[in-house]
């Protein structure tokens, strides 16, 4: 595992087509923005263990802009 320190607004590049951006840090909670091709599903780890089919809205891959969620 690679552990990195990042400040708000800084990015991490993964491969040639995935970008993680630190959007906000509030205490122990970090808000990340993920830019990836629509062909890559992005799923929270706790939902991966669920054996029943996962609803589409559980995927960040639903492509709702993270900045819109952050300001709600």
C-alpha atoms as a PDB file:
ATOM      1  CA  UNK A   1       0.000   0.000   0.000  1.00  0.00           C
ATOM      2  CA  UNK A   2       1.207   3.460  -0.872  1.00  0.00           C
ATOM      3  CA  UNK A   3       0.306   6.105   1.740  1.00  0.00           C
ATOM      4  CA  UNK A   4       0.342   9.740   0.601  1.00  0.00           C
ATOM      5  CA  UNK A   5      -0.342  13.049   2.302  1.00  0.00           C
ATOM      6  CA  UNK A   6      -2.387  15.538   0.304  1.00  0.00           C
ATOM      7  CA  UNK A   7      -3.904  18.932   1.048  1.00  0.00           C
ATOM      8  CA  UNK A   8      -7.259  20.241  -0.121  1.00  0.00           C
ATOM      9  CA  UNK A   9      -7.190  20.785  -3.875  1.00  0.00           C
ATOM     10  CA  UNK A  10      -4.247  18.454  -4.467  1.00  0.00           C
ATOM     11  CA  UNK A  11      -4.578  15.454  -6.781  1.00  0.00           C
ATOM     12  CA  UNK A  12      -3.346  11.910  -7.145  1.00  0.00           C
ATOM     13  CA  UNK A  13      -3.075  10.395 -10.623  1.00  0.00           C
ATOM     14  CA  UNK A  14      -3.667   6.657 -11.069  1.00  0.00           C
ATOM     15  CA  UNK A  15      -2.684   5.238 -14.413  1.00  0.00           C
ATOM     16  CA  UNK A  16      -3.501   7.488 -17.311  1.00  0.00           C
ATOM     17  CA  UNK A  17      -7.194   8.007 -16.722  1.00  0.00           C
ATOM     18  CA  UNK A  18      -8.085   8.119 -13.008  1.00  0.00           C
ATOM     19  CA  UNK A  19      -7.682  11.270 -10.895  1.00  0.00           C
ATOM     20  CA  UNK A  20      -8.410  11.546  -7.160  1.00  0.00           C
ATOM     21  CA  UNK A  21      -8.828  15.090  -5.838  1.00  0.00           C
ATOM     22  CA  UNK A  22      -9.000  16.034  -2.155  1.00  0.00           C
ATOM     23  CA  UNK A  23     -12.082  18.279  -2.066  1.00  0.00           C
ATOM     24  CA  UNK A  24     -12.316  18.895   1.674  1.00  0.00           C
ATOM     25  CA  UNK A  25     -10.994  17.760   5.041  1.00  0.00           C
ATOM     26  CA  UNK A  26     -13.298  18.129   8.051  1.00  0.00           C
ATOM     27  CA  UNK A  27     -11.820  16.668  11.215  1.00  0.00           C
ATOM     28  CA  UNK A  28     -11.378  12.939  10.580  1.00  0.00           C
ATOM     29  CA  UNK A  29     -13.462  12.951   7.391  1.00  0.00           C
ATOM     30  CA  UNK A  30     -11.958  13.439   3.940  1.00  0.00           C
ATOM     31  CA  UNK A  31     -14.097  14.218   0.889  1.00  0.00           C
ATOM     32  CA  UNK A  32     -12.606  12.896  -2.355  1.00  0.00           C
ATOM     33  CA  UNK A  33     -13.539  13.616  -5.936  1.00  0.00           C
ATOM     34  CA  UNK A  34     -12.933  10.804  -8.400  1.00  0.00           C
ATOM     35  CA  UNK A  35     -12.604  11.316 -12.143  1.00  0.00           C
ATOM     36  CA  UNK A  36     -12.595   8.064 -14.094  1.00  0.00           C
ATOM     37  CA  UNK A  37     -13.939   6.664 -17.343  1.00  0.00           C
ATOM     38  CA  UNK A  38     -17.568   5.515 -17.172  1.00  0.00           C
ATOM     39  CA  UNK A  39     -16.341   1.981 -17.828  1.00  0.00           C
ATOM     40  CA  UNK A  40     -14.791   1.875 -14.341  1.00  0.00           C
ATOM     41  CA  UNK A  41     -17.255   1.170 -11.527  1.00  0.00           C
ATOM     42  CA  UNK A  42     -16.431   2.932  -8.272  1.00  0.00           C
ATOM     43  CA  UNK A  43     -17.967   1.304  -5.213  1.00  0.00           C
ATOM     44  CA  UNK A  44     -17.613   1.992  -1.496  1.00  0.00           C
ATOM     45  CA  UNK A  45     -15.909  -0.972   0.173  1.00  0.00           C
ATOM     46  CA  UNK A  46     -18.719  -1.654   2.657  1.00  0.00           C
ATOM     47  CA  UNK A  47     -21.136  -2.212  -0.238  1.00  0.00           C
ATOM     48  CA  UNK A  48     -18.843  -4.754  -1.870  1.00  0.00           C
ATOM     49  CA  UNK A  49     -19.496  -7.275   0.916  1.00  0.00           C
ATOM     50  CA  UNK A  50     -23.261  -7.122   0.390  1.00  0.00           C
ATOM     51  CA  UNK A  51     -24.369 -10.287  -1.387  1.00  0.00           C
ATOM     52  CA  UNK A  52     -27.595  -8.910  -2.840  1.00  0.00           C
ATOM     53  CA  UNK A  53     -27.460  -6.940  -6.106  1.00  0.00           C
ATOM     54  CA  UNK A  54     -26.223  -3.394  -5.581  1.00  0.00           C
ATOM     55  CA  UNK A  55     -28.522  -0.559  -6.611  1.00  0.00           C
ATOM     56  CA  UNK A  56     -27.140   1.757  -9.289  1.00  0.00           C
ATOM     57  CA  UNK A  57     -27.294   4.841  -7.029  1.00  0.00           C
ATOM     58  CA  UNK A  58     -24.805   3.189  -4.644  1.00  0.00           C
ATOM     59  CA  UNK A  59     -22.127   3.702  -7.248  1.00  0.00           C
ATOM     60  CA  UNK A  60     -20.209   6.935  -7.307  1.00  0.00           C
ATOM     61  CA  UNK A  61     -19.892   5.891 -10.931  1.00  0.00           C
ATOM     62  CA  UNK A  62     -23.430   7.262 -11.366  1.00  0.00           C
ATOM     63  CA  UNK A  63     -21.466  10.399 -12.261  1.00  0.00           C
ATOM     64  CA  UNK A  64     -23.225  12.972 -10.100  1.00  0.00           C
ATOM     65  CA  UNK A  65     -20.634  15.717  -9.756  1.00  0.00           C
ATOM     66  CA  UNK A  66     -19.021  15.466  -6.320  1.00  0.00           C
ATOM     67  CA  UNK A  67     -18.977  19.242  -5.946  1.00  0.00           C
ATOM     68  CA  UNK A  68     -22.780  19.235  -6.170  1.00  0.00           C
ATOM     69  CA  UNK A  69     -22.960  16.652  -3.349  1.00  0.00           C
ATOM     70  CA  UNK A  70     -20.425  18.539  -1.261  1.00  0.00           C
ATOM     71  CA  UNK A  71     -22.548  21.702  -1.176  1.00  0.00           C
ATOM     72  CA  UNK A  72     -25.876  20.032  -0.376  1.00  0.00           C
END
